[in-house]
Amino acid sequence: MQPLDHEVYYGILDRSFLDRDPVQMELLPDKLHALRWKLNQKAKNEPKFRFYALYDRIYRMDVLEAAWKHVGKPNKAPGIDGVRAEDLLDTPGGVEAFLEEIHQELRDKTYRPSPVKRVWIPKADGKKRPLGIPTLKDRVVQMAVVLILEPIFEADFLDCSHGFRPERKAHDALASIRENLGEGRKEIYDADLKGCFDTIPHDKLIACVRCRVVDGNVLRLIKGWLKAPVIEMDERGKSKPPKKNDMGTPQGGVISPLLANVYLHWIDKRFHEKGGPFHWANARLVRYADDFVVMARWQGPRIEEWICKTIEEWMGLTINREKTKVVRTDEGEALDFLGYTFRYERDLYGRPKKYLNVQPSKKSLKTARQSLRELTSHRKCFKPTPAVVEDVNRFLRGWSEYFKYGYPRKAYRDLNYYAGGRLVTHLNRRSQRKYNKPKDKSHYEHLIDLGLLRL
């Protein structure tokens, strides 16, 4: 299925969203934290209540300031207007004037979304993924809307959903798969949706939002972002004619992960209803954004028929038949999910029992090696050796932080060996003469002296 921080991990796993981290509650001021708590409690206590007066909360200055703290980070790709967060420091009034302008536009209802800049991000399989980058102003407003809407929809989301949610992470989804395998659900429908974020029908998505939010001004904001034209640059840096946005929620938009979860939540809901596989097949669903698996003791045609009918006929999405398959782990087949491989393997000591091995997938290791090649390529010869070592260390820390789940020991050892070899090649390449390391030390000892991190 299927940068160093949370963004890096999903670069490794063929995910390239910008500003998609879920809201961290500890970063919010007390008044905003209390407002989100009240909205969440109201939604929990009244499952059928629809919120009709939220717009004035969105343009509150404390909400906009909190939104800025989440998206106003330096060195982020600019939108179609070219404005970066660091540019505001050199303008009169700086960030305060920028947020005051947004506040006035929202209050006067003169705010209009700008076109989205389209860029293409390479995928591990050689193809490219479209990424839509909103302007900085649009990112702030989208984040403000997320701050208000997220606690409402969080009250409805089910435990089987793990992606882009507060206090949840990919490791939770991995643990759920491991638990279900331990309970005997060893036949797995491994689904792959074709361009999910780019094909969500706008009318159905708005209908899902309206199940909880009927504030017309908030709905107009969301529709404006969904319909914003997409502008792509050609090879000479000139903009092509804008394209209409008839479906999908652009990957790269701050609000896109929340909207995708709002829409895909209905898969979770139907799965757990009385007529869903949770009841009649004792099956379990594990979903991380648009990646999901259905686990059961036996995968019959009824489960596959239910999934296809729900996903394609009811949701209007498309299943990629070439990548979707049934994995029978009890027959030695491996499941790859979120960069990890789950496989039952023979006991190392010959005992008649198989154990579950959970380790980084071959694809993840291949992508990691490619990243290390780029960090130590001939184009980096101008950089001082300590700077190159620090770049490699930063990558290794981020990679190991994500891939510490399960049994990563062999993967760590392979990556240590590869990183060391790449740095030796880099040192020898920096001059026409071969690099002279200290005579009383091995290459390994010398790299440790240079500060290379060993996983």
Protein backbone atom coordinates (compact mmCIF):
# COMPACT_ATOMS: atom_id res chain seq x y z
CA MET A 1 0.00 0.00 0.00
CA GLN A 2 1.24 2.37 -0.31
CA PRO A 3 11.33 15.29 5.30
CA LEU A 4 12.46 14.60 9.37
CA ASP A 5 9.39 14.81 11.46
CA HIS A 6 5.90 13.37 11.05
CA GLU A 7 6.06 14.57 7.44
CA VAL A 8 9.17 12.48 6.79
CA TYR A 9 7.56 9.28 7.92
CA TYR A 10 4.85 9.62 5.33
CA GLY A 11 7.31 10.60 2.66
CA ILE A 12 8.80 7.18 3.35
CA LEU A 13 5.35 5.60 3.24
CA ASP A 14 4.34 7.34 0.03
CA ARG A 15 2.30 10.01 1.75
CA SER A 16 2.98 13.67 0.99
CA PHE A 17 0.49 15.87 2.81
CA LEU A 18 1.50 19.28 4.14
CA ASP A 19 0.45 20.54 7.56
CA ARG A 20 -1.56 17.41 8.21
CA ASP A 21 -0.61 16.70 11.81
CA PRO A 22 -3.70 16.47 14.04
CA VAL A 23 -4.23 19.32 16.47
CA GLN A 24 -2.06 19.02 19.56
CA MET A 25 -4.22 20.01 22.50
CA GLU A 26 -1.32 21.18 24.65
CA LEU A 27 -0.50 23.93 22.13
CA LEU A 28 -3.90 25.60 22.49
CA PRO A 29 -4.75 28.49 24.85
CA ASP A 30 -7.04 27.69 27.76
CA LYS A 31 -10.12 29.47 26.37
CA LEU A 32 -9.88 27.68 23.05
CA HIS A 33 -9.21 24.37 24.78
CA ALA A 34 -12.38 24.89 26.86
CA LEU A 35 -14.42 25.77 23.75
CA ARG A 36 -13.29 22.62 21.95
CA TRP A 37 -14.11 20.53 25.03
CA LYS A 38 -17.64 22.00 25.20
CA LEU A 39 -18.23 21.36 21.50
CA ASN A 40 -17.04 17.78 21.88
CA GLN A 41 -19.22 17.13 24.93
CA LYS A 42 -22.27 18.61 23.22
CA ALA A 43 -21.69 16.37 20.20
CA LYS A 44 -21.18 13.29 22.39
CA ASN A 45 -24.25 13.88 24.54
CA GLU A 46 -26.53 14.69 21.60
CA PRO A 47 -25.56 12.45 18.65
CA LYS A 48 -28.26 13.91 16.40
CA PHE A 49 -27.61 17.59 17.22
CA ARG A 50 -26.57 19.75 14.27
CA PHE A 51 -24.47 22.84 15.01
CA TYR A 52 -25.86 25.99 13.43
CA ALA A 53 -23.81 28.85 14.98
CA LEU A 54 -20.07 28.23 14.58
CA TYR A 55 -18.88 30.89 12.14
CA ASP A 56 -18.26 33.60 14.74
CA ARG A 57 -16.00 31.19 16.65
CA ILE A 58 -13.81 30.67 13.59
CA TYR A 59 -12.75 34.31 13.22
CA ARG A 60 -12.05 34.85 16.93
CA MET A 61 -8.53 36.27 17.26
CA ASP A 62 -7.43 33.57 19.72
CA VAL A 63 -8.54 30.91 17.22
CA LEU A 64 -6.69 32.60 14.35
CA GLU A 65 -3.57 33.00 16.50
CA ALA A 66 -3.67 29.30 17.43
CA ALA A 67 -4.16 28.44 13.74
CA TRP A 68 -1.10 30.53 12.85
CA LYS A 69 1.04 28.63 15.38
CA HIS A 70 0.18 25.39 13.61
CA VAL A 71 0.64 26.46 9.97
CA GLY A 72 2.81 29.59 10.10
CA LYS A 73 6.07 27.66 10.10
CA PRO A 74 9.12 28.72 8.06
CA ASN A 75 10.46 26.85 5.04
CA LYS A 76 7.04 25.63 3.93
CA ALA A 77 6.19 25.64 0.23
CA PRO A 78 4.30 28.84 -0.72
CA GLY A 79 0.94 28.92 -2.46
CA ILE A 80 0.09 30.58 -5.75
CA ASP A 81 0.80 34.07 -4.33
CA GLY A 82 4.34 33.11 -3.30
CA VAL A 83 3.89 34.34 0.30
CA ARG A 84 5.81 32.41 2.96
CA ALA A 85 5.51 32.68 6.73
CA GLU A 86 9.00 34.16 7.03
CA ASP A 87 8.07 36.92 4.55
CA LEU A 88 5.60 38.40 7.03
CA LEU A 89 8.41 39.27 9.44
CA ASP A 90 9.62 41.92 6.97
CA THR A 91 6.22 43.50 6.33
CA PRO A 92 4.68 46.40 8.30
CA GLY A 93 2.70 45.02 11.22
CA GLY A 94 4.00 41.50 10.60
CA VAL A 95 1.89 38.55 11.71
CA GLU A 96 -0.46 40.72 13.82
CA ALA A 97 -1.53 42.78 10.79
CA PHE A 98 -1.86 39.60 8.68
CA LEU A 99 -4.19 37.95 11.20
CA GLU A 100 -6.17 41.17 11.71
CA GLU A 101 -6.77 41.34 7.95
CA ILE A 102 -8.06 37.75 7.95
CA HIS A 103 -10.25 38.53 10.99
CA GLN A 104 -11.84 41.51 9.20
CA GLU A 105 -12.41 39.62 5.96
CA LEU A 106 -14.10 36.73 7.74
CA ARG A 107 -16.20 39.00 9.93
CA ASP A 108 -17.28 41.12 6.92
CA LYS A 109 -17.76 37.96 4.83
CA THR A 110 -15.45 39.27 2.10
CA TYR A 111 -12.94 36.43 2.37
CA ARG A 112 -12.61 34.36 -0.81
CA PRO A 113 -10.38 31.28 -1.24
CA SER A 114 -7.45 31.66 -3.65
CA PRO A 115 -6.58 29.15 -6.38
CA VAL A 116 -4.55 26.13 -5.35
CA LYS A 117 -1.05 25.58 -6.72
CA ARG A 118 -0.55 22.09 -8.13
CA VAL A 119 2.79 20.35 -7.73
CA TRP A 120 3.70 16.73 -8.34
CA ILE A 121 5.44 14.58 -5.73
CA PRO A 122 7.39 11.46 -6.83
CA LYS A 123 6.06 8.14 -5.53
CA ALA A 124 8.09 5.07 -4.67
CA ASP A 125 6.81 3.24 -7.77
CA GLY A 126 8.07 5.97 -10.13
CA LYS A 127 4.69 7.60 -10.60
CA LYS A 128 3.73 11.03 -9.27
CA ARG A 129 1.11 12.15 -6.78
CA PRO A 130 -0.70 15.50 -7.20
CA LEU A 131 -0.32 17.89 -4.28
CA GLY A 132 -2.41 21.06 -3.92
CA ILE A 133 -0.76 23.87 -1.97
CA PRO A 134 -3.12 26.59 -0.67
CA THR A 135 -1.94 30.12 0.04
CA LEU A 136 -0.76 30.97 3.55
CA LYS A 137 -3.97 32.92 4.21
CA ASP A 138 -6.11 29.96 3.15
CA ARG A 139 -4.05 27.63 5.35
CA VAL A 140 -4.68 29.81 8.41
CA VAL A 141 -8.43 29.95 7.77
CA GLN A 142 -8.59 26.21 7.09
CA MET A 143 -6.74 25.52 10.33
CA ALA A 144 -9.17 27.77 12.22
CA VAL A 145 -12.06 25.75 10.80
CA VAL A 146 -10.32 22.50 11.81
CA LEU A 147 -9.90 23.80 15.35
CA ILE A 148 -13.66 24.32 15.64
CA LEU A 149 -15.00 21.36 13.65
CA GLU A 150 -12.57 18.65 14.73
CA PRO A 151 -13.92 18.14 18.29
CA ILE A 152 -17.46 17.87 16.88
CA PHE A 153 -16.67 15.09 14.43
CA GLU A 154 -14.28 13.38 16.87
CA ALA A 155 -17.35 12.60 18.97
CA ASP A 156 -18.66 10.45 16.09
CA PHE A 157 -15.51 8.80 14.78
CA LEU A 158 -15.07 5.13 15.70
CA ASP A 159 -12.10 3.38 17.29
CA CYS A 160 -11.25 1.55 14.06
CA SER A 161 -10.14 4.87 12.51
CA HIS A 162 -6.55 5.87 13.36
CA GLY A 163 -5.29 8.32 10.74
CA PHE A 164 -4.93 12.09 11.27
CA ARG A 165 -6.72 12.15 14.58
CA PRO A 166 -5.66 13.69 17.91
CA GLU A 167 -3.83 11.33 20.26
CA ARG A 168 -3.80 8.58 17.65
CA LYS A 169 -0.96 7.38 15.45
CA ALA A 170 -0.01 4.72 12.94
CA HIS A 171 1.36 2.48 15.69
CA ASP A 172 -2.17 2.20 17.10
CA ALA A 173 -3.39 0.80 13.79
CA LEU A 174 -0.46 -1.65 13.73
CA ALA A 175 -1.26 -2.78 17.27
CA SER A 176 -4.90 -3.36 16.27
CA ILE A 177 -3.82 -5.58 13.37
CA ARG A 178 -1.54 -7.52 15.68
CA GLU A 179 -4.33 -7.99 18.20
CA ASN A 180 -6.77 -9.26 15.57
CA LEU A 181 -4.22 -11.70 14.21
CA GLY A 182 -3.76 -13.00 17.75
CA GLU A 183 -7.52 -13.54 17.98
CA GLY A 184 -7.49 -15.72 14.87
CA ARG A 185 -8.52 -13.26 12.17
CA LYS A 186 -5.76 -14.31 9.84
CA GLU A 187 -7.47 -13.81 6.47
CA ILE A 188 -7.25 -10.17 5.45
CA TYR A 189 -8.91 -8.18 2.70
CA ASP A 190 -6.14 -5.69 1.87
CA ALA A 191 -7.89 -2.82 0.08
CA ASP A 192 -6.40 -0.10 -2.10
CA LEU A 193 -8.51 2.87 -3.16
CA LYS A 194 -7.65 4.57 -6.44
CA GLY A 195 -6.99 8.30 -5.88
CA CYS A 196 -9.31 8.49 -2.88
CA PHE A 197 -8.59 12.10 -1.89
CA ASP A 198 -8.92 13.23 -5.51
CA THR A 199 -12.22 11.47 -6.24
CA ILE A 200 -14.45 12.16 -3.21
CA PRO A 201 -17.76 13.49 -4.61
CA HIS A 202 -18.35 17.04 -3.39
CA ASP A 203 -22.11 16.69 -3.00
CA LYS A 204 -21.82 13.56 -0.86
CA LEU A 205 -19.01 15.07 1.21
CA ILE A 206 -21.05 18.20 1.97
CA ALA A 207 -23.99 15.96 2.90
CA CYS A 208 -21.74 14.20 5.42
CA VAL A 209 -20.63 17.53 6.89
CA ARG A 210 -24.27 18.68 7.10
CA CYS A 211 -25.07 15.70 9.33
CA ARG A 212 -23.36 17.70 12.07
CA VAL A 213 -22.84 21.27 10.81
CA VAL A 214 -25.59 23.35 9.19
CA ASP A 215 -24.04 26.80 9.63
CA GLY A 216 -24.36 28.23 6.10
CA ASN A 217 -21.28 30.43 6.39
CA VAL A 218 -19.09 27.51 7.45
CA LEU A 219 -20.46 25.35 4.62
CA ARG A 220 -19.72 28.17 2.14
CA LEU A 221 -16.10 28.24 3.31
CA ILE A 222 -15.73 24.48 2.79
CA LYS A 223 -17.42 24.58 -0.62
CA GLY A 224 -15.14 27.44 -1.64
CA TRP A 225 -12.01 25.42 -0.84
CA LEU A 226 -13.36 22.35 -2.59
CA LYS A 227 -14.23 24.33 -5.73
CA ALA A 228 -11.09 26.50 -5.79
CA PRO A 229 -9.45 26.29 -9.25
CA VAL A 230 -6.16 24.45 -9.56
CA ILE A 231 -3.21 26.17 -11.24
CA GLU A 232 -0.22 24.21 -12.45
CA MET A 233 3.14 25.61 -13.58
CA ASP A 234 4.83 24.48 -16.81
CA GLU A 235 8.54 23.73 -17.27
CA ARG A 236 9.32 27.45 -17.79
CA GLY A 237 7.60 28.45 -14.54
CA LYS A 238 4.55 29.95 -16.25
CA SER A 239 1.08 29.09 -15.06
CA LYS A 240 -1.15 26.92 -17.20
CA PRO A 241 -4.87 27.76 -17.58
CA PRO A 242 -6.68 27.00 -14.31
CA LYS A 243 -8.60 23.76 -14.03
CA LYS A 244 -12.01 23.43 -12.44
CA ASN A 245 -12.22 21.35 -9.29
CA ASP A 246 -15.26 19.11 -9.67
CA MET A 247 -14.37 16.43 -7.14
CA GLY A 248 -11.89 15.58 -4.42
CA THR A 249 -10.29 17.45 -1.56
CA PRO A 250 -6.76 18.55 -2.48
CA GLN A 251 -3.93 16.69 -0.80
CA GLY A 252 -1.92 19.45 0.84
CA GLY A 253 -4.89 21.37 2.18
CA VAL A 254 -4.89 21.69 5.96
CA ILE A 255 -8.56 20.73 6.16
CA SER A 256 -8.31 17.81 3.69
CA PRO A 257 -7.47 15.05 6.23
CA LEU A 258 -10.43 16.02 8.42
CA LEU A 259 -12.82 16.14 5.45
CA ALA A 260 -11.56 12.78 4.21
CA ASN A 261 -12.13 11.26 7.65
CA VAL A 262 -15.63 12.80 7.79
CA TYR A 263 -16.43 11.08 4.49
CA LEU A 264 -14.71 7.73 5.10
CA HIS A 265 -16.28 7.54 8.58
CA TRP A 266 -19.41 6.31 6.84
CA ILE A 267 -17.56 3.18 5.75
CA ASP A 268 -16.74 2.56 9.41
CA LYS A 269 -20.33 3.25 10.43
CA ARG A 270 -21.93 0.93 7.89
CA PHE A 271 -19.36 -1.78 8.65
CA HIS A 272 -20.44 -1.81 12.31
CA GLU A 273 -24.19 -1.53 11.70
CA LYS A 274 -26.42 -4.56 12.09
CA GLY A 275 -26.18 -5.48 8.40
CA GLY A 276 -22.39 -5.07 8.27
CA PRO A 277 -19.58 -7.67 8.36
CA PHE A 278 -18.79 -6.81 11.99
CA HIS A 279 -21.89 -8.79 12.98
CA TRP A 280 -22.47 -11.48 10.40
CA ALA A 281 -18.77 -12.32 9.73
CA ASN A 282 -17.24 -11.38 13.10
CA ALA A 283 -14.88 -9.25 10.99
CA ARG A 284 -12.84 -6.24 12.11
CA LEU A 285 -11.97 -3.07 10.23
CA VAL A 286 -8.66 -1.22 10.70
CA ARG A 287 -8.42 2.08 8.80
CA TYR A 288 -5.70 4.71 8.57
CA ALA A 289 -7.11 7.50 6.36
CA ASP A 290 -7.76 5.82 2.98
CA ASP A 291 -5.69 2.70 3.78
CA PHE A 292 -7.76 -0.05 5.39
CA VAL A 293 -7.93 -3.78 5.92
CA VAL A 294 -10.83 -6.07 6.81
CA MET A 295 -9.77 -8.98 9.02
CA ALA A 296 -11.76 -12.18 9.53
CA ARG A 297 -11.28 -15.88 10.21
CA TRP A 298 -12.41 -16.59 6.65
CA GLN A 299 -12.73 -14.27 3.65
CA GLY A 300 -15.74 -15.36 1.66
CA PRO A 301 -17.31 -13.73 -1.40
CA ARG A 302 -19.95 -12.06 0.77
CA ILE A 303 -17.38 -9.81 2.48
CA GLU A 304 -15.78 -8.80 -0.83
CA GLU A 305 -19.21 -8.14 -2.34
CA TRP A 306 -20.19 -5.95 0.63
CA ILE A 307 -16.94 -3.94 0.41
CA CYS A 308 -17.22 -3.37 -3.34
CA LYS A 309 -20.88 -2.38 -3.13
CA THR A 310 -20.30 0.01 -0.21
CA ILE A 311 -17.13 1.63 -1.59
CA GLU A 312 -18.05 1.94 -5.25
CA GLU A 313 -21.84 2.10 -5.47
CA TRP A 314 -22.66 3.88 -2.21
CA MET A 315 -19.54 5.99 -1.61
CA GLY A 316 -18.70 6.72 -5.24
CA LEU A 317 -15.02 5.74 -4.85
CA THR A 318 -12.99 3.24 -6.87
CA ILE A 319 -11.19 0.12 -5.67
CA ASN A 320 -7.87 -0.55 -7.39
CA ARG A 321 -8.39 -4.18 -8.36
CA GLU A 322 -4.72 -4.65 -9.32
CA LYS A 323 -3.47 -3.83 -5.81
CA THR A 324 -6.39 -5.15 -3.76
CA LYS A 325 -6.04 -8.74 -2.62
CA VAL A 326 -6.89 -11.26 0.08
CA VAL A 327 -3.88 -12.11 2.26
CA ARG A 328 -3.95 -15.46 4.06
CA THR A 329 -1.32 -15.07 6.74
CA ASP A 330 -1.85 -18.59 8.10
CA GLU A 331 -0.63 -19.90 4.73
CA GLY A 332 2.63 -17.93 4.89
CA GLU A 333 1.49 -14.84 2.98
CA ALA A 334 2.62 -11.42 4.20
CA LEU A 335 0.58 -8.29 4.82
CA ASP A 336 2.20 -4.92 4.07
CA PHE A 337 0.50 -2.03 5.86
CA LEU A 338 1.75 1.47 6.69
CA GLY A 339 5.32 0.57 5.83
CA TYR A 340 5.40 -2.62 7.93
CA THR A 341 5.28 -6.30 7.00
CA PHE A 342 3.27 -8.81 9.08
CA ARG A 343 4.25 -12.43 8.47
CA TYR A 344 4.11 -15.71 10.40
CA GLU A 345 7.54 -17.33 10.35
CA ARG A 346 9.04 -20.57 11.57
CA ASP A 347 10.56 -20.77 15.02
CA LEU A 348 14.33 -20.17 14.91
CA TYR A 349 14.94 -23.17 17.17
CA GLY A 350 12.90 -25.63 15.13
CA ARG A 351 9.93 -25.82 17.48
CA PRO A 352 6.60 -26.66 15.76
CA LYS A 353 5.18 -23.23 16.27
CA LYS A 354 5.15 -20.12 14.09
CA TYR A 355 5.58 -16.64 15.48
CA LEU A 356 4.34 -13.32 14.13
CA ASN A 357 7.15 -11.15 12.79
CA VAL A 358 6.42 -7.42 12.46
CA GLN A 359 9.18 -5.49 10.77
CA PRO A 360 9.81 -2.65 8.27
CA SER A 361 8.77 -3.71 4.78
CA LYS A 362 11.20 -4.17 1.89
CA LYS A 363 9.64 -1.16 0.21
CA SER A 364 10.29 1.01 3.27
CA LEU A 365 13.93 -0.09 3.40
CA LYS A 366 14.34 0.55 -0.32
CA THR A 367 12.94 4.07 0.06
CA ALA A 368 15.17 4.70 3.09
CA ARG A 369 18.26 3.67 1.13
CA GLN A 370 17.22 6.01 -1.67
CA SER A 371 16.95 8.87 0.84
CA LEU A 372 20.43 8.09 2.19
CA ARG A 373 21.82 8.04 -1.35
CA GLU A 374 20.42 11.52 -1.93
CA LEU A 375 21.85 12.82 1.37
CA THR A 376 25.34 11.53 0.45
CA SER A 377 25.30 12.01 -3.34
CA HIS A 378 28.05 13.72 -5.35
CA ARG A 379 25.94 16.88 -5.28
CA LYS A 380 26.63 17.13 -1.53
CA CYS A 381 30.44 17.24 -1.84
CA PHE A 382 30.42 20.98 -1.17
CA LYS A 383 29.04 20.44 2.34
CA PRO A 384 31.38 19.99 5.30
CA THR A 385 31.53 16.40 6.52
CA PRO A 386 29.96 17.19 9.95
CA ALA A 387 26.96 18.77 8.18
CA VAL A 388 26.47 15.68 5.99
CA VAL A 389 26.75 13.42 9.05
CA GLU A 390 24.13 15.52 10.86
CA ASP A 391 21.78 15.27 7.85
CA VAL A 392 22.16 11.49 7.87
CA ASN A 393 21.64 11.37 11.65
CA ARG A 394 18.49 13.46 11.39
CA PHE A 395 17.10 11.05 8.83
CA LEU A 396 18.04 7.98 10.88
CA ARG A 397 16.44 9.42 14.04
CA GLY A 398 13.17 10.14 12.26
CA TRP A 399 13.14 6.80 10.44
CA SER A 400 13.89 4.78 13.58
CA GLU A 401 11.30 6.70 15.61
CA TYR A 402 8.57 5.53 13.26
CA PHE A 403 9.94 2.03 12.61
CA LYS A 404 10.66 1.15 16.24
CA TYR A 405 7.45 -0.89 16.46
CA GLY A 406 7.71 -4.67 16.30
CA TYR A 407 11.09 -6.27 15.57
CA PRO A 408 13.18 -3.76 13.61
CA ARG A 409 16.58 -5.07 14.72
CA LYS A 410 17.60 -6.57 11.35
CA ALA A 411 16.35 -3.49 9.47
CA TYR A 412 18.34 -1.22 11.80
CA ARG A 413 21.45 -3.33 11.24
CA ASP A 414 21.03 -3.21 7.44
CA LEU A 415 20.49 0.54 7.47
CA ASN A 416 23.51 1.12 9.74
CA TYR A 417 25.69 -0.84 7.31
CA TYR A 418 24.33 1.02 4.31
CA ALA A 419 24.66 4.49 5.91
CA GLY A 420 28.25 3.74 6.90
CA GLY A 421 29.12 2.59 3.39
CA ARG A 422 27.56 5.66 1.84
CA LEU A 423 29.51 7.99 4.14
CA VAL A 424 32.81 6.23 3.35
CA THR A 425 32.05 6.69 -0.36
CA HIS A 426 31.20 10.33 0.29
CA LEU A 427 34.50 10.94 2.14
CA ASN A 428 36.52 9.39 -0.69
CA ARG A 429 34.64 11.43 -3.27
CA ARG A 430 35.37 14.80 -1.69
CA SER A 431 38.90 14.91 -3.13
CA GLN A 432 40.84 13.49 -6.07
CA ARG A 433 42.92 11.63 -3.51
CA LYS A 434 41.57 8.82 -1.40
CA TYR A 435 40.44 9.94 2.03
CA ASN A 436 43.00 9.20 4.72
CA LYS A 437 41.38 8.06 7.92
CA PRO A 438 43.45 7.68 11.11
CA LYS A 439 45.69 4.62 10.70
CA ASP A 440 44.90 3.22 14.12
CA LYS A 441 41.15 3.14 13.53
CA SER A 442 38.73 1.26 11.31
CA HIS A 443 36.23 3.03 9.09
CA TYR A 444 33.53 2.10 11.63
CA GLU A 445 35.43 3.67 14.54
CA HIS A 446 36.23 6.76 12.49
CA LEU A 447 32.57 7.27 11.54
CA ILE A 448 31.62 6.96 15.20
CA ASP A 449 34.21 9.65 15.98
CA LEU A 450 32.59 11.84 13.33
CA GLY A 451 29.29 11.44 15.21
CA LEU A 452 27.41 8.99 12.98
CA LEU A 453 24.33 7.65 14.75
CA ARG A 454 24.06 3.87 15.04
CA LEU A 455 20.56 2.48 15.30
